[in-house]
Amino acid sequence: MIRKTGIALAGLVLASVATVGFAQDQQAELTQKYLSKVAESWFVDNGFTDDYEVALERAGEGGKPIFAYFTRSYAK
């Protein structure tokens, strides 16, 4: 009984390690896609920002509200 439990526990640990490695790879891929997306001309040339503090500052200077658009198109 103890041996079966130990084997099952070892399997769970190995599965967890593999999952963490996959999650890190996936996060790195998403980060690269995100950086590519915000480097595109439609984002850079129009003065958009993805920094909330910068948006607050700009909105305050111009007396305008903040328009926030949430998407994750870089994940495709």
PDB file of N, CA and C in Angstrom:
ATOM      1  N   MET A   1       0.822  -1.200   0.000  1.00  0.00           N
ATOM      2  CA  MET A   1       0.000   0.000   0.000  1.00  0.00           C
ATOM      3  C   MET A   1       0.866   1.263   0.000  1.00  0.00           C
ATOM      4  N   ILE A   2       1.898   1.268   0.879  1.00  0.00           N
ATOM      5  CA  ILE A   2       2.782   2.435   0.949  1.00  0.00           C
ATOM      6  C   ILE A   2       3.532   2.608  -0.360  1.00  0.00           C
ATOM      7  N   ARG A   3       3.943   1.506  -0.970  1.00  0.00           N
ATOM      8  CA  ARG A   3       4.684   1.587  -2.233  1.00  0.00           C
ATOM      9  C   ARG A   3       3.802   2.169  -3.334  1.00  0.00           C
ATOM     10  N   LYS A   4       2.548   1.743  -3.411  1.00  0.00           N
ATOM     11  CA  LYS A   4       1.634   2.276  -4.431  1.00  0.00           C
ATOM     12  C   LYS A   4       1.398   3.767  -4.222  1.00  0.00           C
ATOM     13  N   THR A   5       1.274   4.154  -2.959  1.00  0.00           N
ATOM     14  CA  THR A   5       1.078   5.568  -2.655  1.00  0.00           C
ATOM     15  C   THR A   5       2.317   6.372  -3.051  1.00  0.00           C
ATOM     16  N   GLY A   6       3.496   5.824  -2.773  1.00  0.00           N
ATOM     17  CA  GLY A   6       4.742   6.494  -3.138  1.00  0.00           C
ATOM     18  C   GLY A   6       4.884   6.643  -4.637  1.00  0.00           C
ATOM     19  N   ILE A   7       4.510   5.601  -5.362  1.00  0.00           N
ATOM     20  CA  ILE A   7       4.587   5.654  -6.834  1.00  0.00           C
ATOM     21  C   ILE A   7       3.599   6.682  -7.373  1.00  0.00           C
ATOM     22  N   ALA A   8       2.399   6.703  -6.813  1.00  0.00           N
ATOM     23  CA  ALA A   8       1.400   7.669  -7.251  1.00  0.00           C
ATOM     24  C   ALA A   8       1.858   9.091  -6.943  1.00  0.00           C
ATOM     25  N   LEU A   9       2.433   9.287  -5.767  1.00  0.00           N
ATOM     26  CA  LEU A   9       2.934  10.605  -5.388  1.00  0.00           C
ATOM     27  C   LEU A   9       4.077  11.040  -6.304  1.00  0.00           C
ATOM     28  N   ALA A  10       4.978  10.124  -6.625  1.00  0.00           N
ATOM     29  CA  ALA A  10       6.077  10.437  -7.540  1.00  0.00           C
ATOM     30  C   ALA A  10       5.537  10.830  -8.915  1.00  0.00           C
ATOM     31  N   GLY A  11       4.499  10.140  -9.364  1.00  0.00           N
ATOM     32  CA  GLY A  11       3.874  10.476 -10.647  1.00  0.00           C
ATOM     33  C   GLY A  11       3.279  11.871 -10.629  1.00  0.00           C
ATOM     34  N   LEU A  12       2.632  12.235  -9.527  1.00  0.00           N
ATOM     35  CA  LEU A  12       2.057  13.574  -9.404  1.00  0.00           C
ATOM     36  C   LEU A  12       3.131  14.658  -9.399  1.00  0.00           C
ATOM     37  N   VAL A  13       4.226  14.381  -8.727  1.00  0.00           N
ATOM     38  CA  VAL A  13       5.327  15.342  -8.692  1.00  0.00           C
ATOM     39  C   VAL A  13       5.902  15.536 -10.088  1.00  0.00           C
ATOM     40  N   LEU A  14       6.119  14.447 -10.802  1.00  0.00           N
ATOM     41  CA  LEU A  14       6.650  14.551 -12.171  1.00  0.00           C
ATOM     42  C   LEU A  14       5.686  15.292 -13.084  1.00  0.00           C
ATOM     43  N   ALA A  15       4.397  15.012 -12.944  1.00  0.00           N
ATOM     44  CA  ALA A  15       3.393  15.705 -13.755  1.00  0.00           C
ATOM     45  C   ALA A  15       3.388  17.193 -13.429  1.00  0.00           C
ATOM     46  N   SER A  16       3.539  17.538 -12.156  1.00  0.00           N
ATOM     47  CA  SER A  16       3.556  18.945 -11.748  1.00  0.00           C
ATOM     48  C   SER A  16       4.761  19.669 -12.325  1.00  0.00           C
ATOM     49  N   VAL A  17       5.917  19.028 -12.290  1.00  0.00           N
ATOM     50  CA  VAL A  17       7.130  19.629 -12.837  1.00  0.00           C
ATOM     51  C   VAL A  17       6.973  19.859 -14.331  1.00  0.00           C
ATOM     52  N   ALA A  18       6.415  18.902 -15.041  1.00  0.00           N
ATOM     53  CA  ALA A  18       6.202  19.043 -16.482  1.00  0.00           C
ATOM     54  C   ALA A  18       5.226  20.178 -16.771  1.00  0.00           C
ATOM     55  N   THR A  19       4.191  20.301 -15.942  1.00  0.00           N
ATOM     56  CA  THR A  19       3.193  21.350 -16.136  1.00  0.00           C
ATOM     57  C   THR A  19       3.809  22.727 -15.911  1.00  0.00           C
ATOM     58  N   VAL A  20       4.640  22.871 -14.898  1.00  0.00           N
ATOM     59  CA  VAL A  20       5.301  24.148 -14.624  1.00  0.00           C
ATOM     60  C   VAL A  20       6.198  24.532 -15.796  1.00  0.00           C
ATOM     61  N   GLY A  21       6.953  23.575 -16.326  1.00  0.00           N
ATOM     62  CA  GLY A  21       7.803  23.856 -17.480  1.00  0.00           C
ATOM     63  C   GLY A  21       6.991  24.294 -18.682  1.00  0.00           C
ATOM     64  N   PHE A  22       5.855  23.637 -18.911  1.00  0.00           N
ATOM     65  CA  PHE A  22       4.981  24.002 -20.027  1.00  0.00           C
ATOM     66  C   PHE A  22       4.415  25.400 -19.821  1.00  0.00           C
ATOM     67  N   ALA A  23       3.991  25.698 -18.588  1.00  0.00           N
ATOM     68  CA  ALA A  23       3.422  27.011 -18.294  1.00  0.00           C
ATOM     69  C   ALA A  23       4.457  28.109 -18.519  1.00  0.00           C
ATOM     70  N   GLN A  24       5.707  27.863 -18.128  1.00  0.00           N
ATOM     71  CA  GLN A  24       6.755  28.855 -18.343  1.00  0.00           C
ATOM     72  C   GLN A  24       7.024  29.056 -19.830  1.00  0.00           C
ATOM     73  N   ASP A  25       7.032  27.969 -20.597  1.00  0.00           N
ATOM     74  CA  ASP A  25       7.223  28.079 -22.045  1.00  0.00           C
ATOM     75  C   ASP A  25       6.075  28.856 -22.679  1.00  0.00           C
ATOM     76  N   GLN A  26       4.854  28.552 -22.232  1.00  0.00           N
ATOM     77  CA  GLN A  26       3.680  29.227 -22.765  1.00  0.00           C
ATOM     78  C   GLN A  26       3.716  30.716 -22.414  1.00  0.00           C
ATOM     79  N   GLN A  27       4.106  31.039 -21.189  1.00  0.00           N
ATOM     80  CA  GLN A  27       4.190  32.440 -20.779  1.00  0.00           C
ATOM     81  C   GLN A  27       5.242  33.183 -21.594  1.00  0.00           C
ATOM     82  N   ALA A  28       6.365  32.555 -21.834  1.00  0.00           N
ATOM     83  CA  ALA A  28       7.417  33.180 -22.641  1.00  0.00           C
ATOM     84  C   ALA A  28       6.923  33.439 -24.057  1.00  0.00           C
ATOM     85  N   GLU A  29       6.181  32.496 -24.612  1.00  0.00           N
ATOM     86  CA  GLU A  29       5.639  32.667 -25.961  1.00  0.00           C
ATOM     87  C   GLU A  29       4.641  33.816 -25.989  1.00  0.00           C
ATOM     88  N   LEU A  30       3.751  33.882 -24.993  1.00  0.00           N
ATOM     89  CA  LEU A  30       2.764  34.963 -24.937  1.00  0.00           C
ATOM     90  C   LEU A  30       3.450  36.320 -24.753  1.00  0.00           C
ATOM     91  N   THR A  31       4.484  36.361 -23.952  1.00  0.00           N
ATOM     92  CA  THR A  31       5.221  37.607 -23.750  1.00  0.00           C
ATOM     93  C   THR A  31       5.830  38.080 -25.065  1.00  0.00           C
ATOM     94  N   GLN A  32       6.419  37.171 -25.821  1.00  0.00           N
ATOM     95  CA  GLN A  32       7.006  37.532 -27.113  1.00  0.00           C
ATOM     96  C   GLN A  32       5.942  38.031 -28.086  1.00  0.00           C
ATOM     97  N   LYS A  33       4.796  37.359 -28.118  1.00  0.00           N
ATOM     98  CA  LYS A  33       3.705  37.797 -29.001  1.00  0.00           C
ATOM     99  C   LYS A  33       3.208  39.181 -28.598  1.00  0.00           C
ATOM    100  N   TYR A  34       3.094  39.415 -27.293  1.00  0.00           N
ATOM    101  CA  TYR A  34       2.647  40.709 -26.788  1.00  0.00           C
ATOM    102  C   TYR A  34       3.624  41.813 -27.208  1.00  0.00           C
ATOM    103  N   LEU A  35       4.901  41.569 -27.003  1.00  0.00           N
ATOM    104  CA  LEU A  35       5.906  42.570 -27.366  1.00  0.00           C
ATOM    105  C   LEU A  35       5.896  42.862 -28.861  1.00  0.00           C
ATOM    106  N   SER A  36       5.671  41.850 -29.666  1.00  0.00           N
ATOM    107  CA  SER A  36       5.566  42.047 -31.120  1.00  0.00           C
ATOM    108  C   SER A  36       4.351  42.894 -31.466  1.00  0.00           C
ATOM    109  N   LYS A  37       3.234  42.622 -30.786  1.00  0.00           N
ATOM    110  CA  LYS A  37       1.988  43.337 -31.079  1.00  0.00           C
ATOM    111  C   LYS A  37       2.101  44.821 -30.727  1.00  0.00           C
ATOM    112  N   VAL A  38       2.652  45.148 -29.559  1.00  0.00           N
ATOM    113  CA  VAL A  38       2.732  46.559 -29.164  1.00  0.00           C
ATOM    114  C   VAL A  38       3.853  47.300 -29.887  1.00  0.00           C
ATOM    115  N   ALA A  39       4.658  46.598 -30.659  1.00  0.00           N
ATOM    116  CA  ALA A  39       5.686  47.255 -31.475  1.00  0.00           C
ATOM    117  C   ALA A  39       5.164  47.592 -32.867  1.00  0.00           C
ATOM    118  N   GLU A  40       3.959  47.144 -33.194  1.00  0.00           N
ATOM    119  CA  GLU A  40       3.393  47.417 -34.519  1.00  0.00           C
ATOM    120  C   GLU A  40       3.047  48.896 -34.657  1.00  0.00           C
ATOM    121  N   SER A  41       3.073  49.383 -35.888  1.00  0.00           N
ATOM    122  CA  SER A  41       2.907  50.810 -36.150  1.00  0.00           C
ATOM    123  C   SER A  41       1.553  51.350 -35.690  1.00  0.00           C
ATOM    124  N   TRP A  42       0.482  50.568 -35.790  1.00  0.00           N
ATOM    125  CA  TRP A  42      -0.834  51.070 -35.376  1.00  0.00           C
ATOM    126  C   TRP A  42      -0.845  51.434 -33.896  1.00  0.00           C
ATOM    127  N   PHE A  43      -0.005  50.772 -33.097  1.00  0.00           N
ATOM    128  CA  PHE A  43       0.054  51.049 -31.666  1.00  0.00           C
ATOM    129  C   PHE A  43       1.042  52.180 -31.378  1.00  0.00           C
ATOM    130  N   VAL A  44       2.208  52.097 -31.975  1.00  0.00           N
ATOM    131  CA  VAL A  44       3.278  53.060 -31.707  1.00  0.00           C
ATOM    132  C   VAL A  44       2.951  54.430 -32.296  1.00  0.00           C
ATOM    133  N   ASP A  45       2.502  54.467 -33.535  1.00  0.00           N
ATOM    134  CA  ASP A  45       2.304  55.732 -34.241  1.00  0.00           C
ATOM    135  C   ASP A  45       1.091  56.523 -33.759  1.00  0.00           C
ATOM    136  N   ASN A  46       0.201  55.903 -33.028  1.00  0.00           N
ATOM    137  CA  ASN A  46      -1.008  56.593 -32.582  1.00  0.00           C
ATOM    138  C   ASN A  46      -0.931  57.074 -31.135  1.00  0.00           C
ATOM    139  N   GLY A  47       0.203  56.898 -30.509  1.00  0.00           N
ATOM    140  CA  GLY A  47       0.374  57.400 -29.153  1.00  0.00           C
ATOM    141  C   GLY A  47      -0.339  56.588 -28.091  1.00  0.00           C
ATOM    142  N   PHE A  48      -0.709  55.351 -28.399  1.00  0.00           N
ATOM    143  CA  PHE A  48      -1.345  54.499 -27.411  1.00  0.00           C
ATOM    144  C   PHE A  48      -0.333  54.105 -26.342  1.00  0.00           C
ATOM    145  N   THR A  49      -0.843  53.752 -25.182  1.00  0.00           N
ATOM    146  CA  THR A  49       0.016  53.259 -24.112  1.00  0.00           C
ATOM    147  C   THR A  49      -0.664  52.080 -23.432  1.00  0.00           C
ATOM    148  N   ASP A  50       0.144  51.210 -22.874  1.00  0.00           N
ATOM    149  CA  ASP A  50      -0.402  50.105 -22.094  1.00  0.00           C
ATOM    150  C   ASP A  50      -0.040  50.276 -20.625  1.00  0.00           C
ATOM    151  N   ASP A  51       0.406  51.477 -20.274  1.00  0.00           N
ATOM    152  CA  ASP A  51       0.798  51.795 -18.910  1.00  0.00           C
ATOM    153  C   ASP A  51      -0.289  52.668 -18.278  1.00  0.00           C
ATOM    154  N   TYR A  52      -0.926  52.153 -17.251  1.00  0.00           N
ATOM    155  CA  TYR A  52      -2.038  52.861 -16.616  1.00  0.00           C
ATOM    156  C   TYR A  52      -1.602  54.207 -16.035  1.00  0.00           C
ATOM    157  N   GLU A  53      -0.439  54.255 -15.409  1.00  0.00           N
ATOM    158  CA  GLU A  53       0.038  55.501 -14.812  1.00  0.00           C
ATOM    159  C   GLU A  53       0.268  56.569 -15.884  1.00  0.00           C
ATOM    160  N   VAL A  54       0.822  56.169 -17.011  1.00  0.00           N
ATOM    161  CA  VAL A  54       1.037  57.105 -18.123  1.00  0.00           C
ATOM    162  C   VAL A  54      -0.313  57.585 -18.653  1.00  0.00           C
ATOM    163  N   ALA A  55      -1.264  56.683 -18.779  1.00  0.00           N
ATOM    164  CA  ALA A  55      -2.598  57.062 -19.256  1.00  0.00           C
ATOM    165  C   ALA A  55      -3.263  58.059 -18.308  1.00  0.00           C
ATOM    166  N   LEU A  56      -3.139  57.840 -17.003  1.00  0.00           N
ATOM    167  CA  LEU A  56      -3.696  58.778 -16.025  1.00  0.00           C
ATOM    168  C   LEU A  56      -3.065  60.157 -16.169  1.00  0.00           C
ATOM    169  N   GLU A  57      -1.760  60.181 -16.341  1.00  0.00           N
ATOM    170  CA  GLU A  57      -1.059  61.458 -16.491  1.00  0.00           C
ATOM    171  C   GLU A  57      -1.516  62.188 -17.750  1.00  0.00           C
ATOM    172  N   ARG A  58      -1.572  61.475 -18.862  1.00  0.00           N
ATOM    173  CA  ARG A  58      -2.009  62.099 -20.123  1.00  0.00           C
ATOM    174  C   ARG A  58      -3.449  62.585 -20.030  1.00  0.00           C
ATOM    175  N   ALA A  59      -4.302  61.792 -19.420  1.00  0.00           N
ATOM    176  CA  ALA A  59      -5.711  62.175 -19.285  1.00  0.00           C
ATOM    177  C   ALA A  59      -5.842  63.431 -18.432  1.00  0.00           C
ATOM    178  N   GLY A  60      -5.070  63.498 -17.365  1.00  0.00           N
ATOM    179  CA  GLY A  60      -5.116  64.674 -16.501  1.00  0.00           C
ATOM    180  C   GLY A  60      -4.624  65.923 -17.200  1.00  0.00           C
ATOM    181  N   GLU A  61      -3.567  65.794 -17.984  1.00  0.00           N
ATOM    182  CA  GLU A  61      -3.004  66.939 -18.714  1.00  0.00           C
ATOM    183  C   GLU A  61      -3.972  67.456 -19.764  1.00  0.00           C
ATOM    184  N   GLY A  62      -4.658  66.550 -20.436  1.00  0.00           N
ATOM    185  CA  GLY A  62      -5.549  66.959 -21.517  1.00  0.00           C
ATOM    186  C   GLY A  62      -6.999  67.123 -21.094  1.00  0.00           C
ATOM    187  N   GLY A  63      -7.299  66.823 -19.831  1.00  0.00           N
ATOM    188  CA  GLY A  63      -8.681  66.937 -19.361  1.00  0.00           C
ATOM    189  C   GLY A  63      -9.607  65.959 -20.054  1.00  0.00           C
ATOM    190  N   LYS A  64      -9.097  64.804 -20.395  1.00  0.00           N
ATOM    191  CA  LYS A  64      -9.884  63.809 -21.119  1.00  0.00           C
ATOM    192  C   LYS A  64     -10.025  62.533 -20.296  1.00  0.00           C
ATOM    193  N   PRO A  65     -11.061  61.763 -20.584  1.00  0.00           N
ATOM    194  CA  PRO A  65     -11.201  60.473 -19.892  1.00  0.00           C
ATOM    195  C   PRO A  65     -10.249  59.430 -20.493  1.00  0.00           C
ATOM    196  N   ILE A  66     -10.074  58.348 -19.781  1.00  0.00           N
ATOM    197  CA  ILE A  66      -9.258  57.236 -20.277  1.00  0.00           C
ATOM    198  C   ILE A  66     -10.171  56.258 -21.000  1.00  0.00           C
ATOM    199  N   PHE A  67      -9.773  55.878 -22.204  1.00  0.00           N
ATOM    200  CA  PHE A  67     -10.470  54.821 -22.936  1.00  0.00           C
ATOM    201  C   PHE A  67      -9.643  53.558 -22.784  1.00  0.00           C
ATOM    202  N   ALA A  68     -10.232  52.551 -22.182  1.00  0.00           N
ATOM    203  CA  ALA A  68      -9.518  51.288 -21.968  1.00  0.00           C
ATOM    204  C   ALA A  68     -10.167  50.202 -22.816  1.00  0.00           C
ATOM    205  N   TYR A  69      -9.353  49.523 -23.590  1.00  0.00           N
ATOM    206  CA  TYR A  69      -9.823  48.443 -24.438  1.00  0.00           C
ATOM    207  C   TYR A  69      -9.034  47.192 -24.052  1.00  0.00           C
ATOM    208  N   PHE A  70      -9.741  46.203 -23.564  1.00  0.00           N
ATOM    209  CA  PHE A  70      -9.082  44.987 -23.094  1.00  0.00           C
ATOM    210  C   PHE A  70      -9.229  43.879 -24.127  1.00  0.00           C
ATOM    211  N   THR A  71      -8.120  43.327 -24.530  1.00  0.00           N
ATOM    212  CA  THR A  71      -8.122  42.239 -25.482  1.00  0.00           C
ATOM    213  C   THR A  71      -6.863  41.410 -25.270  1.00  0.00           C
ATOM    214  N   ARG A  72      -6.817  40.318 -25.938  1.00  0.00           N
ATOM    215  CA  ARG A  72      -5.621  39.480 -25.871  1.00  0.00           C
ATOM    216  C   ARG A  72      -5.410  38.845 -27.241  1.00  0.00           C
ATOM    217  N   SER A  73      -5.445  39.660 -28.255  1.00  0.00           N
ATOM    218  CA  SER A  73      -5.319  39.141 -29.610  1.00  0.00           C
ATOM    219  C   SER A  73      -3.967  38.537 -29.878  1.00  0.00           C
ATOM    220  N   TYR A  74      -2.953  38.894 -29.100  1.00  0.00           N
ATOM    221  CA  TYR A  74      -1.619  38.332 -29.301  1.00  0.00           C
ATOM    222  C   TYR A  74      -1.540  36.884 -28.873  1.00  0.00           C
ATOM    223  N   ALA A  75      -2.565  36.380 -28.183  1.00  0.00           N
ATOM    224  CA  ALA A  75      -2.550  34.987 -27.716  1.00  0.00           C
ATOM    225  C   ALA A  75      -2.947  34.011 -28.813  1.00  0.00           C
ATOM    226  N   LYS A  76      -3.429  34.513 -29.924  1.00  0.00           N
ATOM    227  CA  LYS A  76      -3.873  33.630 -31.007  1.00  0.00           C
ATOM    228  C   LYS A  76      -2.704  33.045 -31.752  1.00  0.00           C
TER     229      LYS A  76
END
